[in-house]
Amino acid sequence: MTITRESDGTFIPAADAAPASPAIEGRSLGRIAWNRLKQDRIAMAGGVVVVLLILAAVLAGPLSSLSGNDPDTLHNKLIDPNYQIPYGGMGGISGSHWLGVDLPNGRDIFSRILYGARISLGIAGVSTLVAIAIGVLLGVTAGYFGGWIDAVISRVMDVFLAFPLLLFSIAIIGVLPDDAFGLSGNGLRFGVLVVVIGFFSWPYIGRIVRGQTIALREREFVAAARSLGARPSRIILRELMPNLLAPILVYATLLIPANILFEAGLSFLGVGIKDPTPSWGAMINSAISTFQIDPEYLIVPGTAIFITVLAFNLLGDGLRDAFDPKGSR
C-alpha cells in the first residue's frame, strides 16, 4: 500500500490522503449547445411539437385510416341539403369525423389537415434547403474572397431583397401553363413555389453567412491553414464551414415558419396549391363564406398554422440561445 508522508513527519495511507481531482472531459460545441438546449424547456417543447408535426405529415395516410377516412372521399349524406350545413353542428364532428367535414363536399377535415401538413412542411422545407444552398455558397464566397467579388454579390443581395416577392409570385404562378418541365397541375405549382420562395429567400441567410465568414477568415486557425498552403476550397470546407453550421441551423429553423406563412398566404389568395389537394391556406380561404355559420372551419386550419409556426419559432429561439449564450435573453 502506498504511504504518504505529512509535514510533521507522520505517515498515512494513500487511501486517507486528499482525493485526486477528476479528469477534465473535453466537449464539442455541439454537445455544449445540446446541454444548454435541454435546459430550455420551452425550446424543447417546440422541438417535440416540430417532430410530431413532421411525423404526422409523413404518416398522414396511416393516421387518416385510424378514423376510416381519406381527404378526397365525399360524404354528401352528412350535409343538410336544405341549409347546406353538416348535421349536428360544430362542422359535423363525430366519432367517424374527429374534426368534422368541410362544405359543400363533406370531406373529412382531419384527413385534410394531415395531408395539408405535407404540402406546407414540404414546400417550406425544400424551399429552405434551396435558400440555404444558394445563400451559403454565395455568402461564403463573398466573405472569404472580398474585393470586387464581395461587392458584386452584395449588390445582387440588395436587388433581391428589394424585389416584390409576393407580387412576383402571384404573377409567375398566375401565368403558368397547364404543363411545363414534365410537370402538371399541383405538381407544377409545388415545384414553382419551391423555386420562387427558395430563390428569393437566399439573400437573408447569405448576409448572415457573409458576416460570419468575414469575422472568421482572419482567425488564427484560418491563417495557419493558409500558411501551410491549403487551397481556398479546402479552407472553406474544412475550416470555415464547421464554424458556420450553428448560425445556418438557427436561421433555417427561423426561415421555415416564414416560408410556411408565405405558402399559406399564396394558397389563400388562390395562386398556390389548388383544390382538391389539401392546403391550410386554401382551407382558410374556403372558410371565408362559412365561418359565420360555423367558425370551426376557420379555427381548425388557423390553429394548425399557428401551432406549426410557433413551434418552429420557439425551437429557433432556443437554438440561437444555445449556440450564442452571450446573446441570450
C-alpha atoms as a PDB file:
ATOM      1  CA  MET A   1       0.000   0.000   0.000  1.00  0.00           C
ATOM      2  CA  THR A   2       1.345   3.464  -0.879  1.00  0.00           C
ATOM      3  CA  ILE A   3       2.337   5.639   2.094  1.00  0.00           C
ATOM      4  CA  THR A   4       2.068   9.420   2.091  1.00  0.00           C
ATOM      5  CA  ARG A   5       4.366  11.496   4.361  1.00  0.00           C
ATOM      6  CA  GLU A   6       2.877  14.529   6.093  1.00  0.00           C
ATOM      7  CA  SER A   7       4.765  17.736   7.017  1.00  0.00           C
ATOM      8  CA  ASP A   8       5.024  16.705  10.682  1.00  0.00           C
ATOM      9  CA  GLY A   9       6.825  13.505   9.796  1.00  0.00           C
ATOM     10  CA  THR A  10       3.913  11.109  10.207  1.00  0.00           C
ATOM     11  CA  PHE A  11       2.874   8.684   7.533  1.00  0.00           C
ATOM     12  CA  ILE A  12      -0.706   7.967   6.444  1.00  0.00           C
ATOM     13  CA  PRO A  13      -2.086   5.518   3.892  1.00  0.00           C
ATOM     14  CA  ALA A  14      -2.800   6.930   0.443  1.00  0.00           C
ATOM     15  CA  ALA A  15      -6.449   5.989   0.834  1.00  0.00           C
ATOM     16  CA  ASP A  16      -6.735   8.610   3.590  1.00  0.00           C
ATOM     17  CA  ALA A  17      -4.990  11.323   1.563  1.00  0.00           C
ATOM     18  CA  ALA A  18      -6.856  14.038  -0.356  1.00  0.00           C
ATOM     19  CA  PRO A  19      -8.630  12.559  -3.413  1.00  0.00           C
ATOM     20  CA  ALA A  20      -7.224  13.419  -6.797  1.00  0.00           C
ATOM     21  CA  SER A  21      -9.169  15.952  -8.877  1.00  0.00           C
ATOM     22  CA  PRO A  22     -11.323  14.387 -11.624  1.00  0.00           C
ATOM     23  CA  ALA A  23     -10.020  14.392 -15.173  1.00  0.00           C
ATOM     24  CA  ILE A  24     -11.224  17.223 -17.388  1.00  0.00           C
ATOM     25  CA  GLU A  25     -13.518  15.968 -20.135  1.00  0.00           C
ATOM     26  CA  GLY A  26     -13.395  17.755 -23.470  1.00  0.00           C
ATOM     27  CA  ARG A  27     -16.744  18.682 -25.036  1.00  0.00           C
ATOM     28  CA  SER A  28     -17.522  19.786 -28.548  1.00  0.00           C
ATOM     29  CA  LEU A  29     -19.507  22.916 -29.390  1.00  0.00           C
ATOM     30  CA  GLY A  30     -22.430  20.766 -30.476  1.00  0.00           C
ATOM     31  CA  ARG A  31     -22.519  18.907 -27.158  1.00  0.00           C
ATOM     32  CA  ILE A  32     -22.279  22.132 -25.165  1.00  0.00           C
ATOM     33  CA  ALA A  33     -25.125  23.632 -27.197  1.00  0.00           C
ATOM     34  CA  TRP A  34     -27.212  20.477 -26.734  1.00  0.00           C
ATOM     35  CA  ASN A  35     -26.734  20.631 -22.961  1.00  0.00           C
ATOM     36  CA  ARG A  36     -27.882  24.260 -22.966  1.00  0.00           C
ATOM     37  CA  LEU A  37     -30.834  23.456 -25.219  1.00  0.00           C
ATOM     38  CA  LYS A  38     -32.000  20.651 -22.921  1.00  0.00           C
ATOM     39  CA  GLN A  39     -32.269  23.164 -20.087  1.00  0.00           C
ATOM     40  CA  ASP A  40     -34.629  25.346 -22.153  1.00  0.00           C
ATOM     41  CA  ARG A  41     -37.983  23.647 -21.601  1.00  0.00           C
ATOM     42  CA  ILE A  42     -39.869  25.974 -23.934  1.00  0.00           C
ATOM     43  CA  ALA A  43     -37.485  25.286 -26.821  1.00  0.00           C
ATOM     44  CA  MET A  44     -37.587  21.543 -26.139  1.00  0.00           C
ATOM     45  CA  ALA A  45     -41.385  21.641 -26.144  1.00  0.00           C
ATOM     46  CA  GLY A  46     -41.252  23.421 -29.509  1.00  0.00           C
ATOM     47  CA  GLY A  47     -38.841  20.766 -30.799  1.00  0.00           C
ATOM     48  CA  VAL A  48     -41.151  17.952 -29.696  1.00  0.00           C
ATOM     49  CA  VAL A  49     -44.088  19.595 -31.476  1.00  0.00           C
ATOM     50  CA  VAL A  50     -41.979  20.013 -34.637  1.00  0.00           C
ATOM     51  CA  VAL A  51     -41.043  16.330 -34.585  1.00  0.00           C
ATOM     52  CA  LEU A  52     -44.688  15.335 -34.074  1.00  0.00           C
ATOM     53  CA  LEU A  53     -45.784  17.570 -36.959  1.00  0.00           C
ATOM     54  CA  ILE A  54     -43.197  16.035 -39.278  1.00  0.00           C
ATOM     55  CA  LEU A  55     -44.276  12.520 -38.268  1.00  0.00           C
ATOM     56  CA  ALA A  56     -47.920  13.482 -38.801  1.00  0.00           C
ATOM     57  CA  ALA A  57     -47.110  14.727 -42.304  1.00  0.00           C
ATOM     58  CA  VAL A  58     -45.087  11.634 -43.202  1.00  0.00           C
ATOM     59  CA  LEU A  59     -47.665   9.239 -41.721  1.00  0.00           C
ATOM     60  CA  ALA A  60     -50.718  11.130 -42.976  1.00  0.00           C
ATOM     61  CA  GLY A  61     -52.095   8.045 -44.713  1.00  0.00           C
ATOM     62  CA  PRO A  62     -51.957   5.637 -41.734  1.00  0.00           C
ATOM     63  CA  LEU A  63     -53.172   8.334 -39.328  1.00  0.00           C
ATOM     64  CA  SER A  64     -56.121   9.164 -41.570  1.00  0.00           C
ATOM     65  CA  SER A  65     -57.075   5.499 -41.709  1.00  0.00           C
ATOM     66  CA  LEU A  66     -57.487   5.497 -37.924  1.00  0.00           C
ATOM     67  CA  SER A  67     -60.739   7.391 -38.427  1.00  0.00           C
ATOM     68  CA  GLY A  68     -61.569   5.378 -41.537  1.00  0.00           C
ATOM     69  CA  ASN A  69     -61.366   8.385 -43.874  1.00  0.00           C
ATOM     70  CA  ASP A  70     -59.226   9.912 -46.597  1.00  0.00           C
ATOM     71  CA  PRO A  71     -59.031  13.547 -47.754  1.00  0.00           C
ATOM     72  CA  ASP A  72     -60.905  13.104 -51.056  1.00  0.00           C
ATOM     73  CA  THR A  73     -63.914  10.923 -50.247  1.00  0.00           C
ATOM     74  CA  LEU A  74     -67.195  12.852 -50.355  1.00  0.00           C
ATOM     75  CA  HIS A  75     -69.715  12.389 -47.549  1.00  0.00           C
ATOM     76  CA  ASN A  76     -72.691  14.220 -49.035  1.00  0.00           C
ATOM     77  CA  LYS A  77     -75.138  12.394 -46.761  1.00  0.00           C
ATOM     78  CA  LEU A  78     -73.664  14.289 -43.816  1.00  0.00           C
ATOM     79  CA  ILE A  79     -74.625  17.668 -45.332  1.00  0.00           C
ATOM     80  CA  ASP A  80     -78.128  19.037 -44.836  1.00  0.00           C
ATOM     81  CA  PRO A  81     -79.361  19.725 -48.417  1.00  0.00           C
ATOM     82  CA  ASN A  82     -81.728  22.457 -47.267  1.00  0.00           C
ATOM     83  CA  TYR A  83     -79.349  24.563 -45.160  1.00  0.00           C
ATOM     84  CA  GLN A  84     -76.041  23.357 -46.653  1.00  0.00           C
ATOM     85  CA  ILE A  85     -74.506  22.746 -43.231  1.00  0.00           C
ATOM     86  CA  PRO A  86     -73.427  19.464 -41.614  1.00  0.00           C
ATOM     87  CA  TYR A  87     -75.929  17.646 -39.472  1.00  0.00           C
ATOM     88  CA  GLY A  88     -75.277  18.024 -35.754  1.00  0.00           C
ATOM     89  CA  GLY A  89     -73.468  21.365 -35.854  1.00  0.00           C
ATOM     90  CA  MET A  90     -69.790  22.024 -34.988  1.00  0.00           C
ATOM     91  CA  GLY A  91     -68.783  21.109 -38.507  1.00  0.00           C
ATOM     92  CA  GLY A  92     -70.284  17.632 -38.207  1.00  0.00           C
ATOM     93  CA  ILE A  93     -67.818  16.409 -35.567  1.00  0.00           C
ATOM     94  CA  SER A  94     -68.482  12.775 -34.724  1.00  0.00           C
ATOM     95  CA  GLY A  95     -66.738   9.550 -33.839  1.00  0.00           C
ATOM     96  CA  SER A  96     -66.005   8.965 -37.529  1.00  0.00           C
ATOM     97  CA  HIS A  97     -65.040  12.555 -38.349  1.00  0.00           C
ATOM     98  CA  TRP A  98     -62.967  13.891 -35.450  1.00  0.00           C
ATOM     99  CA  LEU A  99     -62.765  17.459 -36.805  1.00  0.00           C
ATOM    100  CA  GLY A 100     -65.942  17.393 -38.856  1.00  0.00           C
ATOM    101  CA  VAL A 101     -66.467  17.576 -42.612  1.00  0.00           C
ATOM    102  CA  ASP A 102     -65.999  20.511 -44.958  1.00  0.00           C
ATOM    103  CA  LEU A 103     -68.557  22.380 -47.038  1.00  0.00           C
ATOM    104  CA  PRO A 104     -70.020  21.787 -49.536  1.00  0.00           C
ATOM    105  CA  ASN A 105     -68.274  18.489 -50.308  1.00  0.00           C
ATOM    106  CA  GLY A 106     -68.384  16.732 -46.938  1.00  0.00           C
ATOM    107  CA  ARG A 107     -64.709  15.723 -46.984  1.00  0.00           C
ATOM    108  CA  ASP A 108     -63.052  14.730 -43.700  1.00  0.00           C
ATOM    109  CA  ILE A 109     -61.240  17.741 -42.215  1.00  0.00           C
ATOM    110  CA  PHE A 110     -58.917  15.691 -40.002  1.00  0.00           C
ATOM    111  CA  SER A 111     -57.505  13.883 -43.037  1.00  0.00           C
ATOM    112  CA  ARG A 112     -57.188  17.120 -44.983  1.00  0.00           C
ATOM    113  CA  ILE A 113     -55.285  18.775 -42.133  1.00  0.00           C
ATOM    114  CA  LEU A 114     -52.802  15.881 -42.076  1.00  0.00           C
ATOM    115  CA  TYR A 115     -52.290  15.909 -45.840  1.00  0.00           C
ATOM    116  CA  GLY A 116     -52.142  19.707 -45.780  1.00  0.00           C
ATOM    117  CA  ALA A 117     -49.194  19.407 -43.396  1.00  0.00           C
ATOM    118  CA  ARG A 118     -47.343  17.562 -46.149  1.00  0.00           C
ATOM    119  CA  ILE A 119     -47.845  20.477 -48.520  1.00  0.00           C
ATOM    120  CA  SER A 120     -46.942  23.213 -46.033  1.00  0.00           C
ATOM    121  CA  LEU A 121     -43.934  21.463 -44.488  1.00  0.00           C
ATOM    122  CA  GLY A 122     -42.808  20.087 -47.845  1.00  0.00           C
ATOM    123  CA  ILE A 123     -42.798  23.410 -49.665  1.00  0.00           C
ATOM    124  CA  ALA A 124     -41.312  25.256 -46.682  1.00  0.00           C
ATOM    125  CA  GLY A 125     -38.647  22.621 -46.047  1.00  0.00           C
ATOM    126  CA  VAL A 126     -37.479  22.186 -49.645  1.00  0.00           C
ATOM    127  CA  SER A 127     -37.507  25.911 -50.370  1.00  0.00           C
ATOM    128  CA  THR A 128     -35.464  26.492 -47.204  1.00  0.00           C
ATOM    129  CA  LEU A 129     -32.888  23.958 -48.424  1.00  0.00           C
ATOM    130  CA  VAL A 130     -32.716  25.799 -51.766  1.00  0.00           C
ATOM    131  CA  ALA A 131     -32.248  29.131 -49.982  1.00  0.00           C
ATOM    132  CA  ILE A 132     -29.551  27.700 -47.701  1.00  0.00           C
ATOM    133  CA  ALA A 133     -27.640  26.116 -50.598  1.00  0.00           C
ATOM    134  CA  ILE A 134     -27.547  29.350 -52.612  1.00  0.00           C
ATOM    135  CA  GLY A 135     -27.081  31.656 -49.622  1.00  0.00           C
ATOM    136  CA  VAL A 136     -24.242  29.676 -48.058  1.00  0.00           C
ATOM    137  CA  LEU A 137     -22.392  29.302 -51.362  1.00  0.00           C
ATOM    138  CA  LEU A 138     -22.560  32.982 -52.270  1.00  0.00           C
ATOM    139  CA  GLY A 139     -22.207  34.229 -48.688  1.00  0.00           C
ATOM    140  CA  VAL A 140     -19.011  32.261 -48.042  1.00  0.00           C
ATOM    141  CA  THR A 141     -17.605  33.245 -51.425  1.00  0.00           C
ATOM    142  CA  ALA A 142     -18.258  36.949 -50.804  1.00  0.00           C
ATOM    143  CA  GLY A 143     -16.974  36.887 -47.233  1.00  0.00           C
ATOM    144  CA  TYR A 144     -13.803  34.902 -47.882  1.00  0.00           C
ATOM    145  CA  PHE A 145     -12.548  36.453 -51.126  1.00  0.00           C
ATOM    146  CA  GLY A 146     -13.788  40.016 -50.528  1.00  0.00           C
ATOM    147  CA  GLY A 147     -12.868  42.737 -53.033  1.00  0.00           C
ATOM    148  CA  TRP A 148     -14.878  43.046 -56.216  1.00  0.00           C
ATOM    149  CA  ILE A 149     -16.402  39.575 -55.715  1.00  0.00           C
ATOM    150  CA  ASP A 150     -17.878  40.701 -52.393  1.00  0.00           C
ATOM    151  CA  ALA A 151     -19.081  43.968 -53.949  1.00  0.00           C
ATOM    152  CA  VAL A 152     -20.881  42.225 -56.825  1.00  0.00           C
ATOM    153  CA  ILE A 153     -22.547  39.570 -54.639  1.00  0.00           C
ATOM    154  CA  SER A 154     -23.574  42.172 -52.057  1.00  0.00           C
ATOM    155  CA  ARG A 155     -25.249  44.308 -54.702  1.00  0.00           C
ATOM    156  CA  VAL A 156     -27.066  41.255 -56.042  1.00  0.00           C
ATOM    157  CA  MET A 157     -28.303  40.603 -52.491  1.00  0.00           C
ATOM    158  CA  ASP A 158     -29.587  44.161 -52.278  1.00  0.00           C
ATOM    159  CA  VAL A 159     -31.507  43.751 -55.542  1.00  0.00           C
ATOM    160  CA  PHE A 160     -33.142  40.509 -54.387  1.00  0.00           C
ATOM    161  CA  LEU A 161     -34.034  41.974 -51.004  1.00  0.00           C
ATOM    162  CA  ALA A 162     -35.786  44.886 -52.710  1.00  0.00           C
ATOM    163  CA  PHE A 163     -37.716  42.617 -55.074  1.00  0.00           C
ATOM    164  CA  PRO A 164     -41.514  42.459 -54.532  1.00  0.00           C
ATOM    165  CA  LEU A 165     -41.616  38.711 -53.924  1.00  0.00           C
ATOM    166  CA  LEU A 166     -45.353  38.429 -53.265  1.00  0.00           C
ATOM    167  CA  LEU A 167     -46.342  40.266 -56.438  1.00  0.00           C
ATOM    168  CA  PHE A 168     -43.761  38.375 -58.475  1.00  0.00           C
ATOM    169  CA  SER A 169     -45.015  35.020 -57.153  1.00  0.00           C
ATOM    170  CA  ILE A 170     -48.605  35.896 -57.972  1.00  0.00           C
ATOM    171  CA  ALA A 171     -47.622  36.990 -61.483  1.00  0.00           C
ATOM    172  CA  ILE A 172     -45.495  33.901 -62.202  1.00  0.00           C
ATOM    173  CA  ILE A 173     -47.979  31.349 -60.876  1.00  0.00           C
ATOM    174  CA  GLY A 174     -50.893  33.194 -62.457  1.00  0.00           C
ATOM    175  CA  VAL A 175     -49.495  32.739 -65.982  1.00  0.00           C
ATOM    176  CA  LEU A 176     -48.342  29.142 -65.535  1.00  0.00           C
ATOM    177  CA  PRO A 177     -49.387  26.772 -68.320  1.00  0.00           C
ATOM    178  CA  ASP A 178     -51.092  23.503 -67.504  1.00  0.00           C
ATOM    179  CA  ASP A 179     -47.943  21.516 -68.327  1.00  0.00           C
ATOM    180  CA  ALA A 180     -44.291  22.542 -68.148  1.00  0.00           C
ATOM    181  CA  PHE A 181     -40.943  20.911 -67.373  1.00  0.00           C
ATOM    182  CA  GLY A 182     -42.575  17.497 -67.345  1.00  0.00           C
ATOM    183  CA  LEU A 183     -44.949  18.503 -64.548  1.00  0.00           C
ATOM    184  CA  SER A 184     -48.609  19.407 -64.465  1.00  0.00           C
ATOM    185  CA  GLY A 185     -51.293  20.591 -62.087  1.00  0.00           C
ATOM    186  CA  ASN A 186     -50.343  20.937 -58.440  1.00  0.00           C
ATOM    187  CA  GLY A 187     -47.048  19.137 -59.057  1.00  0.00           C
ATOM    188  CA  LEU A 188     -46.021  22.042 -61.277  1.00  0.00           C
ATOM    189  CA  ARG A 189     -47.276  24.575 -58.713  1.00  0.00           C
ATOM    190  CA  PHE A 190     -45.352  22.795 -55.952  1.00  0.00           C
ATOM    191  CA  GLY A 191     -42.124  22.990 -57.950  1.00  0.00           C
ATOM    192  CA  VAL A 192     -42.629  26.636 -58.909  1.00  0.00           C
ATOM    193  CA  LEU A 193     -43.394  27.628 -55.312  1.00  0.00           C
ATOM    194  CA  VAL A 194     -40.235  25.887 -54.099  1.00  0.00           C
ATOM    195  CA  VAL A 195     -38.072  27.591 -56.718  1.00  0.00           C
ATOM    196  CA  VAL A 196     -39.601  31.051 -56.265  1.00  0.00           C
ATOM    197  CA  ILE A 197     -39.582  31.031 -52.443  1.00  0.00           C
ATOM    198  CA  GLY A 198     -36.135  29.446 -52.182  1.00  0.00           C
ATOM    199  CA  PHE A 199     -34.520  31.533 -54.905  1.00  0.00           C
ATOM    200  CA  PHE A 200     -35.682  34.836 -53.446  1.00  0.00           C
ATOM    201  CA  SER A 201     -35.011  33.909 -49.788  1.00  0.00           C
ATOM    202  CA  TRP A 202     -31.301  33.196 -50.068  1.00  0.00           C
ATOM    203  CA  PRO A 203     -30.059  36.803 -49.523  1.00  0.00           C
ATOM    204  CA  TYR A 204     -31.220  36.727 -45.891  1.00  0.00           C
ATOM    205  CA  ILE A 205     -29.024  33.801 -44.945  1.00  0.00           C
ATOM    206  CA  GLY A 206     -26.375  34.951 -47.436  1.00  0.00           C
ATOM    207  CA  ARG A 207     -25.852  38.156 -45.454  1.00  0.00           C
ATOM    208  CA  ILE A 208     -25.527  36.260 -42.182  1.00  0.00           C
ATOM    209  CA  VAL A 209     -23.018  33.781 -43.640  1.00  0.00           C
ATOM    210  CA  ARG A 210     -21.045  36.586 -45.284  1.00  0.00           C
ATOM    211  CA  GLY A 211     -20.707  38.467 -41.993  1.00  0.00           C
ATOM    212  CA  GLN A 212     -19.665  35.339 -40.085  1.00  0.00           C
ATOM    213  CA  THR A 213     -17.135  34.443 -42.784  1.00  0.00           C
ATOM    214  CA  ILE A 214     -15.553  37.904 -42.655  1.00  0.00           C
ATOM    215  CA  ALA A 215     -15.153  37.502 -38.881  1.00  0.00           C
ATOM    216  CA  LEU A 216     -13.629  34.013 -39.250  1.00  0.00           C
ATOM    217  CA  ARG A 217     -11.290  34.491 -42.213  1.00  0.00           C
ATOM    218  CA  GLU A 218      -8.686  36.356 -40.134  1.00  0.00           C
ATOM    219  CA  ARG A 219      -8.734  33.918 -37.221  1.00  0.00           C
ATOM    220  CA  GLU A 220      -5.590  32.028 -36.262  1.00  0.00           C
ATOM    221  CA  PHE A 221      -6.707  28.617 -37.467  1.00  0.00           C
ATOM    222  CA  VAL A 222      -7.534  30.006 -40.925  1.00  0.00           C
ATOM    223  CA  ALA A 223      -4.211  31.843 -41.103  1.00  0.00           C
ATOM    224  CA  ALA A 224      -2.416  28.634 -40.049  1.00  0.00           C
ATOM    225  CA  ALA A 225      -4.160  26.616 -42.768  1.00  0.00           C
ATOM    226  CA  ARG A 226      -3.321  29.299 -45.329  1.00  0.00           C
ATOM    227  CA  SER A 227       0.351  29.340 -44.276  1.00  0.00           C
ATOM    228  CA  LEU A 228       0.532  25.571 -44.759  1.00  0.00           C
ATOM    229  CA  GLY A 229      -0.504  26.009 -48.382  1.00  0.00           C
ATOM    230  CA  ALA A 230      -4.151  24.943 -48.107  1.00  0.00           C
ATOM    231  CA  ARG A 231      -6.251  25.909 -51.086  1.00  0.00           C
ATOM    232  CA  PRO A 232      -9.254  28.224 -50.628  1.00  0.00           C
ATOM    233  CA  SER A 233     -11.687  25.373 -51.274  1.00  0.00           C
ATOM    234  CA  ARG A 234     -10.107  23.290 -48.503  1.00  0.00           C
ATOM    235  CA  ILE A 235     -10.095  26.229 -46.082  1.00  0.00           C
ATOM    236  CA  ILE A 236     -13.751  26.926 -46.765  1.00  0.00           C
ATOM    237  CA  LEU A 237     -14.845  23.286 -46.444  1.00  0.00           C
ATOM    238  CA  ARG A 238     -12.598  22.148 -43.587  1.00  0.00           C
ATOM    239  CA  GLU A 239     -12.068  25.303 -41.531  1.00  0.00           C
ATOM    240  CA  LEU A 240     -14.940  27.738 -42.138  1.00  0.00           C
ATOM    241  CA  MET A 241     -17.970  25.514 -42.739  1.00  0.00           C
ATOM    242  CA  PRO A 242     -17.806  23.663 -39.380  1.00  0.00           C
ATOM    243  CA  ASN A 243     -17.908  27.049 -37.643  1.00  0.00           C
ATOM    244  CA  LEU A 244     -20.816  28.224 -39.810  1.00  0.00           C
ATOM    245  CA  LEU A 245     -23.096  25.250 -39.127  1.00  0.00           C
ATOM    246  CA  ALA A 246     -24.528  26.792 -35.941  1.00  0.00           C
ATOM    247  CA  PRO A 247     -25.834  30.063 -37.496  1.00  0.00           C
ATOM    248  CA  ILE A 248     -27.031  28.160 -40.575  1.00  0.00           C
ATOM    249  CA  LEU A 249     -29.017  25.716 -38.424  1.00  0.00           C
ATOM    250  CA  VAL A 250     -30.501  28.500 -36.324  1.00  0.00           C
ATOM    251  CA  TYR A 251     -31.561  30.572 -39.316  1.00  0.00           C
ATOM    252  CA  ALA A 252     -33.029  27.535 -41.080  1.00  0.00           C
ATOM    253  CA  THR A 253     -35.396  26.882 -38.161  1.00  0.00           C
ATOM    254  CA  LEU A 254     -36.475  30.530 -38.296  1.00  0.00           C
ATOM    255  CA  LEU A 255     -36.859  30.603 -42.095  1.00  0.00           C
ATOM    256  CA  ILE A 256     -39.117  27.535 -42.290  1.00  0.00           C
ATOM    257  CA  PRO A 257     -42.068  29.149 -40.432  1.00  0.00           C
ATOM    258  CA  ALA A 258     -41.762  32.264 -42.609  1.00  0.00           C
ATOM    259  CA  ASN A 259     -41.987  30.061 -45.700  1.00  0.00           C
ATOM    260  CA  ILE A 260     -44.968  28.196 -44.232  1.00  0.00           C
ATOM    261  CA  LEU A 261     -46.801  31.501 -43.819  1.00  0.00           C
ATOM    262  CA  PHE A 262     -45.828  32.594 -47.332  1.00  0.00           C
ATOM    263  CA  GLU A 263     -47.138  29.376 -48.886  1.00  0.00           C
ATOM    264  CA  ALA A 264     -50.340  29.605 -46.863  1.00  0.00           C
ATOM    265  CA  GLY A 265     -50.770  33.206 -47.985  1.00  0.00           C
ATOM    266  CA  LEU A 266     -50.388  32.278 -51.664  1.00  0.00           C
ATOM    267  CA  SER A 267     -52.853  29.394 -51.304  1.00  0.00           C
ATOM    268  CA  PHE A 268     -55.251  31.725 -49.510  1.00  0.00           C
ATOM    269  CA  LEU A 269     -55.046  34.155 -52.429  1.00  0.00           C
ATOM    270  CA  GLY A 270     -55.799  31.323 -54.842  1.00  0.00           C
ATOM    271  CA  VAL A 271     -52.398  31.214 -56.566  1.00  0.00           C
ATOM    272  CA  GLY A 272     -50.913  28.371 -54.549  1.00  0.00           C
ATOM    273  CA  ILE A 273     -51.944  24.747 -54.310  1.00  0.00           C
ATOM    274  CA  LYS A 274     -55.352  24.175 -55.859  1.00  0.00           C
ATOM    275  CA  ASP A 275     -58.267  22.094 -54.634  1.00  0.00           C
ATOM    276  CA  PRO A 276     -58.734  19.106 -54.247  1.00  0.00           C
ATOM    277  CA  THR A 277     -55.173  18.851 -52.930  1.00  0.00           C
ATOM    278  CA  PRO A 278     -55.377  19.882 -49.248  1.00  0.00           C
ATOM    279  CA  SER A 279     -53.646  23.103 -48.234  1.00  0.00           C
ATOM    280  CA  TRP A 280     -54.050  25.000 -44.977  1.00  0.00           C
ATOM    281  CA  GLY A 281     -54.187  28.362 -46.747  1.00  0.00           C
ATOM    282  CA  ALA A 282     -56.817  27.141 -49.215  1.00  0.00           C
ATOM    283  CA  MET A 283     -58.873  25.733 -46.325  1.00  0.00           C
ATOM    284  CA  ILE A 284     -58.880  29.154 -44.668  1.00  0.00           C
ATOM    285  CA  ASN A 285     -59.911  30.712 -47.964  1.00  0.00           C
ATOM    286  CA  SER A 286     -62.865  28.341 -48.280  1.00  0.00           C
ATOM    287  CA  ALA A 287     -63.878  29.159 -44.690  1.00  0.00           C
ATOM    288  CA  ILE A 288     -64.492  32.832 -45.514  1.00  0.00           C
ATOM    289  CA  SER A 289     -68.002  32.129 -46.709  1.00  0.00           C
ATOM    290  CA  THR A 290     -68.850  29.689 -43.907  1.00  0.00           C
ATOM    291  CA  PHE A 291     -67.123  30.880 -40.727  1.00  0.00           C
ATOM    292  CA  GLN A 292     -70.135  32.978 -39.717  1.00  0.00           C
ATOM    293  CA  ILE A 293     -72.248  29.841 -39.876  1.00  0.00           C
ATOM    294  CA  ASP A 294     -69.643  27.656 -38.182  1.00  0.00           C
ATOM    295  CA  PRO A 295     -66.300  29.147 -37.036  1.00  0.00           C
ATOM    296  CA  GLU A 296     -64.851  25.645 -36.753  1.00  0.00           C
ATOM    297  CA  TYR A 297     -63.893  25.762 -40.440  1.00  0.00           C
ATOM    298  CA  LEU A 298     -61.647  28.752 -39.769  1.00  0.00           C
ATOM    299  CA  ILE A 299     -60.377  27.699 -36.346  1.00  0.00           C
ATOM    300  CA  VAL A 300     -59.010  24.275 -37.334  1.00  0.00           C
ATOM    301  CA  PRO A 301     -56.635  25.262 -40.209  1.00  0.00           C
ATOM    302  CA  GLY A 302     -55.789  28.547 -38.473  1.00  0.00           C
ATOM    303  CA  THR A 303     -54.791  26.678 -35.326  1.00  0.00           C
ATOM    304  CA  ALA A 304     -52.690  24.242 -37.362  1.00  0.00           C
ATOM    305  CA  ILE A 305     -50.734  27.124 -38.913  1.00  0.00           C
ATOM    306  CA  PHE A 306     -50.422  28.903 -35.551  1.00  0.00           C
ATOM    307  CA  ILE A 307     -49.072  25.841 -33.711  1.00  0.00           C
ATOM    308  CA  THR A 308     -46.636  24.973 -36.503  1.00  0.00           C
ATOM    309  CA  VAL A 309     -45.181  28.469 -36.814  1.00  0.00           C
ATOM    310  CA  LEU A 310     -44.996  28.924 -33.034  1.00  0.00           C
ATOM    311  CA  ALA A 311     -43.214  25.591 -32.553  1.00  0.00           C
ATOM    312  CA  PHE A 312     -40.570  26.382 -35.165  1.00  0.00           C
ATOM    313  CA  ASN A 313     -40.031  29.878 -33.751  1.00  0.00           C
ATOM    314  CA  LEU A 314     -39.623  28.566 -30.196  1.00  0.00           C
ATOM    315  CA  LEU A 315     -37.152  25.940 -31.387  1.00  0.00           C
ATOM    316  CA  GLY A 316     -35.238  28.526 -33.409  1.00  0.00           C
ATOM    317  CA  ASP A 317     -35.002  30.918 -30.457  1.00  0.00           C
ATOM    318  CA  GLY A 318     -33.782  28.084 -28.250  1.00  0.00           C
ATOM    319  CA  LEU A 319     -31.116  27.065 -30.752  1.00  0.00           C
ATOM    320  CA  ARG A 320     -29.950  30.661 -31.070  1.00  0.00           C
ATOM    321  CA  ASP A 321     -29.573  30.975 -27.303  1.00  0.00           C
ATOM    322  CA  ALA A 322     -27.852  27.577 -27.062  1.00  0.00           C
ATOM    323  CA  PHE A 323     -25.215  28.403 -29.658  1.00  0.00           C
ATOM    324  CA  ASP A 324     -24.810  32.033 -28.551  1.00  0.00           C
ATOM    325  CA  PRO A 325     -25.201  32.182 -24.734  1.00  0.00           C
ATOM    326  CA  LYS A 326     -23.835  35.750 -24.580  1.00  0.00           C
ATOM    327  CA  GLY A 327     -26.782  36.898 -26.663  1.00  0.00           C
ATOM    328  CA  SER A 328     -29.382  35.094 -24.539  1.00  0.00           C
ATOM    329  CA  ARG A 329     -32.375  36.957 -23.277  1.00  0.00           C
END
